[in-house]
């Protein structure tokens, strides 16, 4: 199994676990969102939307290049940034520029995420 498939499977499993967990627990990678003062119910809706986005990517975007989220700090960054875009606290362009600073080789992925999360 290659690293891309492992990361996709890990992200999908993580997404399902987060969705099933309801409100954050200390083990949850999205604790950071609630800890930053976000409404737990709103975070739950965000998780559901992210789970649907993961399914959409897996089903219809075979060339999508997943961001290399390998460390807890990477996941925290990802959740904070995608939540900010989803909650309309940053623009698509701001999200893409923030992402390119961290992942310069992932412009297309960041643009796709920006488009999907800002709908």
C-alpha atoms as a PDB file:
ATOM      1  CA  UNK A   1       0.000   0.000   0.000  1.00  0.00           C
ATOM      2  CA  UNK A   2       1.551   3.345  -0.968  1.00  0.00           C
ATOM      3  CA  UNK A   3       1.719   6.387   1.299  1.00  0.00           C
ATOM      4  CA  UNK A   4      -1.047   8.221  -0.585  1.00  0.00           C
ATOM      5  CA  UNK A   5      -3.453   5.345   0.002  1.00  0.00           C
ATOM      6  CA  UNK A   6      -2.424   5.130   3.658  1.00  0.00           C
ATOM      7  CA  UNK A   7      -2.985   8.859   4.164  1.00  0.00           C
ATOM      8  CA  UNK A   8      -6.351   8.719   2.399  1.00  0.00           C
ATOM      9  CA  UNK A   9      -7.429   5.754   4.505  1.00  0.00           C
ATOM     10  CA  UNK A  10      -6.175   7.423   7.682  1.00  0.00           C
ATOM     11  CA  UNK A  11      -7.992  10.655   6.887  1.00  0.00           C
ATOM     12  CA  UNK A  12     -11.197   8.797   6.062  1.00  0.00           C
ATOM     13  CA  UNK A  13     -10.996   6.751   9.271  1.00  0.00           C
ATOM     14  CA  UNK A  14     -10.208   9.876  11.278  1.00  0.00           C
ATOM     15  CA  UNK A  15     -13.138  11.685   9.702  1.00  0.00           C
ATOM     16  CA  UNK A  16     -15.507   8.835  10.499  1.00  0.00           C
ATOM     17  CA  UNK A  17     -14.217   8.664  14.062  1.00  0.00           C
ATOM     18  CA  UNK A  18     -14.669  12.396  14.505  1.00  0.00           C
ATOM     19  CA  UNK A  19     -18.147  12.265  13.080  1.00  0.00           C
ATOM     20  CA  UNK A  20     -19.099   9.368  15.334  1.00  0.00           C
ATOM     21  CA  UNK A  21     -17.656  11.049  18.416  1.00  0.00           C
ATOM     22  CA  UNK A  22     -20.107  13.953  18.452  1.00  0.00           C
ATOM     23  CA  UNK A  23     -18.657  16.588  20.760  1.00  0.00           C
ATOM     24  CA  UNK A  24     -14.918  16.729  21.171  1.00  0.00           C
ATOM     25  CA  UNK A  25     -13.057  14.432  23.472  1.00  0.00           C
ATOM     26  CA  UNK A  26      -9.466  14.836  24.567  1.00  0.00           C
ATOM     27  CA  UNK A  27      -8.423  12.244  21.959  1.00  0.00           C
ATOM     28  CA  UNK A  28     -10.091  14.148  19.138  1.00  0.00           C
ATOM     29  CA  UNK A  29      -7.824  15.884  16.651  1.00  0.00           C
ATOM     30  CA  UNK A  30     -10.399  18.677  16.387  1.00  0.00           C
ATOM     31  CA  UNK A  31     -10.320  19.551  20.081  1.00  0.00           C
ATOM     32  CA  UNK A  32      -8.387  22.578  18.963  1.00  0.00           C
ATOM     33  CA  UNK A  33     -11.535  24.014  17.347  1.00  0.00           C
ATOM     34  CA  UNK A  34     -13.584  23.820  20.544  1.00  0.00           C
ATOM     35  CA  UNK A  35     -10.615  24.888  22.649  1.00  0.00           C
ATOM     36  CA  UNK A  36     -10.376  28.022  20.507  1.00  0.00           C
ATOM     37  CA  UNK A  37     -13.929  28.907  21.511  1.00  0.00           C
ATOM     38  CA  UNK A  38     -15.935  27.517  18.615  1.00  0.00           C
ATOM     39  CA  UNK A  39     -19.451  26.269  19.263  1.00  0.00           C
ATOM     40  CA  UNK A  40     -19.356  22.452  19.644  1.00  0.00           C
ATOM     41  CA  UNK A  41     -22.587  22.079  17.653  1.00  0.00           C
ATOM     42  CA  UNK A  42     -21.158  24.144  14.814  1.00  0.00           C
ATOM     43  CA  UNK A  43     -17.961  22.076  14.939  1.00  0.00           C
ATOM     44  CA  UNK A  44     -20.125  18.959  14.630  1.00  0.00           C
ATOM     45  CA  UNK A  45     -21.715  20.339  11.433  1.00  0.00           C
ATOM     46  CA  UNK A  46     -18.243  21.210  10.116  1.00  0.00           C
ATOM     47  CA  UNK A  47     -17.122  17.625  10.776  1.00  0.00           C
ATOM     48  CA  UNK A  48     -20.126  16.291   8.865  1.00  0.00           C
ATOM     49  CA  UNK A  49     -19.357  18.597   5.954  1.00  0.00           C
ATOM     50  CA  UNK A  50     -15.712  17.526   5.998  1.00  0.00           C
ATOM     51  CA  UNK A  51     -16.714  13.857   6.031  1.00  0.00           C
ATOM     52  CA  UNK A  52     -18.913  14.482   2.987  1.00  0.00           C
ATOM     53  CA  UNK A  53     -16.048  16.298   1.281  1.00  0.00           C
ATOM     54  CA  UNK A  54     -13.695  13.360   1.925  1.00  0.00           C
ATOM     55  CA  UNK A  55     -16.260  11.008   0.379  1.00  0.00           C
ATOM     56  CA  UNK A  56     -16.629  13.340  -2.619  1.00  0.00           C
ATOM     57  CA  UNK A  57     -12.869  13.500  -3.115  1.00  0.00           C
ATOM     58  CA  UNK A  58     -12.470   9.732  -2.850  1.00  0.00           C
ATOM     59  CA  UNK A  59     -15.346   9.098  -5.232  1.00  0.00           C
ATOM     60  CA  UNK A  60     -14.906  11.816  -7.863  1.00  0.00           C
ATOM     61  CA  UNK A  61     -11.383  13.236  -7.601  1.00  0.00           C
ATOM     62  CA  UNK A  62      -8.951  10.391  -8.328  1.00  0.00           C
ATOM     63  CA  UNK A  63      -6.077  12.808  -8.992  1.00  0.00           C
ATOM     64  CA  UNK A  64      -6.570  14.817  -5.806  1.00  0.00           C
ATOM     65  CA  UNK A  65      -3.261  15.138  -3.969  1.00  0.00           C
ATOM     66  CA  UNK A  66      -3.894  14.881  -0.209  1.00  0.00           C
ATOM     67  CA  UNK A  67      -1.998  17.288   1.997  1.00  0.00           C
ATOM     68  CA  UNK A  68       0.710  15.524   3.996  1.00  0.00           C
ATOM     69  CA  UNK A  69      -0.882  15.697   7.436  1.00  0.00           C
ATOM     70  CA  UNK A  70       1.480  13.558   9.479  1.00  0.00           C
ATOM     71  CA  UNK A  71       1.955  15.391  12.774  1.00  0.00           C
ATOM     72  CA  UNK A  72      -0.604  16.622  15.294  1.00  0.00           C
ATOM     73  CA  UNK A  73       0.441  20.190  14.436  1.00  0.00           C
ATOM     74  CA  UNK A  74      -0.395  19.483  10.773  1.00  0.00           C
ATOM     75  CA  UNK A  75      -3.883  18.263  11.679  1.00  0.00           C
ATOM     76  CA  UNK A  76      -4.444  21.225  14.014  1.00  0.00           C
ATOM     77  CA  UNK A  77      -3.363  23.628  11.273  1.00  0.00           C
ATOM     78  CA  UNK A  78      -5.631  21.877   8.750  1.00  0.00           C
ATOM     79  CA  UNK A  79      -8.687  21.938  11.003  1.00  0.00           C
ATOM     80  CA  UNK A  80      -8.168  25.564  12.032  1.00  0.00           C
ATOM     81  CA  UNK A  81      -7.666  26.730   8.455  1.00  0.00           C
ATOM     82  CA  UNK A  82     -10.476  24.704   6.870  1.00  0.00           C
ATOM     83  CA  UNK A  83     -12.857  25.638   9.680  1.00  0.00           C
ATOM     84  CA  UNK A  84     -12.017  29.332   9.233  1.00  0.00           C
ATOM     85  CA  UNK A  85     -12.820  29.076   5.524  1.00  0.00           C
ATOM     86  CA  UNK A  86     -15.931  26.954   6.096  1.00  0.00           C
ATOM     87  CA  UNK A  87     -17.135  29.479   8.711  1.00  0.00           C
ATOM     88  CA  UNK A  88     -16.360  32.343   6.310  1.00  0.00           C
ATOM     89  CA  UNK A  89     -13.755  33.930   8.588  1.00  0.00           C
ATOM     90  CA  UNK A  90     -11.170  33.909   5.777  1.00  0.00           C
ATOM     91  CA  UNK A  91     -11.535  34.214   2.032  1.00  0.00           C
ATOM     92  CA  UNK A  92     -10.662  31.517  -0.475  1.00  0.00           C
ATOM     93  CA  UNK A  93      -7.579  33.497  -1.463  1.00  0.00           C
ATOM     94  CA  UNK A  94      -6.448  33.844   2.160  1.00  0.00           C
ATOM     95  CA  UNK A  95      -6.919  30.117   2.707  1.00  0.00           C
ATOM     96  CA  UNK A  96      -4.929  29.268  -0.424  1.00  0.00           C
ATOM     97  CA  UNK A  97      -2.119  31.675   0.470  1.00  0.00           C
ATOM     98  CA  UNK A  98      -1.936  30.319   4.042  1.00  0.00           C
ATOM     99  CA  UNK A  99      -1.839  26.800   2.658  1.00  0.00           C
ATOM    100  CA  UNK A 100       0.862  27.572   0.115  1.00  0.00           C
ATOM    101  CA  UNK A 101       3.108  28.880   2.877  1.00  0.00           C
ATOM    102  CA  UNK A 102       2.932  25.463   4.533  1.00  0.00           C
ATOM    103  CA  UNK A 103       2.444  23.223   1.472  1.00  0.00           C
ATOM    104  CA  UNK A 104       3.837  25.024  -1.605  1.00  0.00           C
ATOM    105  CA  UNK A 105       3.507  21.964  -3.863  1.00  0.00           C
ATOM    106  CA  UNK A 106      -0.225  21.551  -3.212  1.00  0.00           C
ATOM    107  CA  UNK A 107      -1.782  24.549  -4.976  1.00  0.00           C
ATOM    108  CA  UNK A 108      -4.393  22.502  -6.878  1.00  0.00           C
ATOM    109  CA  UNK A 109      -5.473  20.675  -3.736  1.00  0.00           C
ATOM    110  CA  UNK A 110      -5.741  23.915  -1.775  1.00  0.00           C
ATOM    111  CA  UNK A 111      -7.711  25.541  -4.586  1.00  0.00           C
ATOM    112  CA  UNK A 112     -10.082  22.575  -4.716  1.00  0.00           C
ATOM    113  CA  UNK A 113     -10.588  22.630  -0.948  1.00  0.00           C
ATOM    114  CA  UNK A 114     -11.124  26.393  -1.032  1.00  0.00           C
ATOM    115  CA  UNK A 115     -13.777  26.053  -3.706  1.00  0.00           C
ATOM    116  CA  UNK A 116     -15.611  23.240  -1.938  1.00  0.00           C
ATOM    117  CA  UNK A 117     -15.495  24.742   1.561  1.00  0.00           C
ATOM    118  CA  UNK A 118     -16.623  28.207   0.534  1.00  0.00           C
ATOM    119  CA  UNK A 119     -19.875  27.082  -1.082  1.00  0.00           C
END
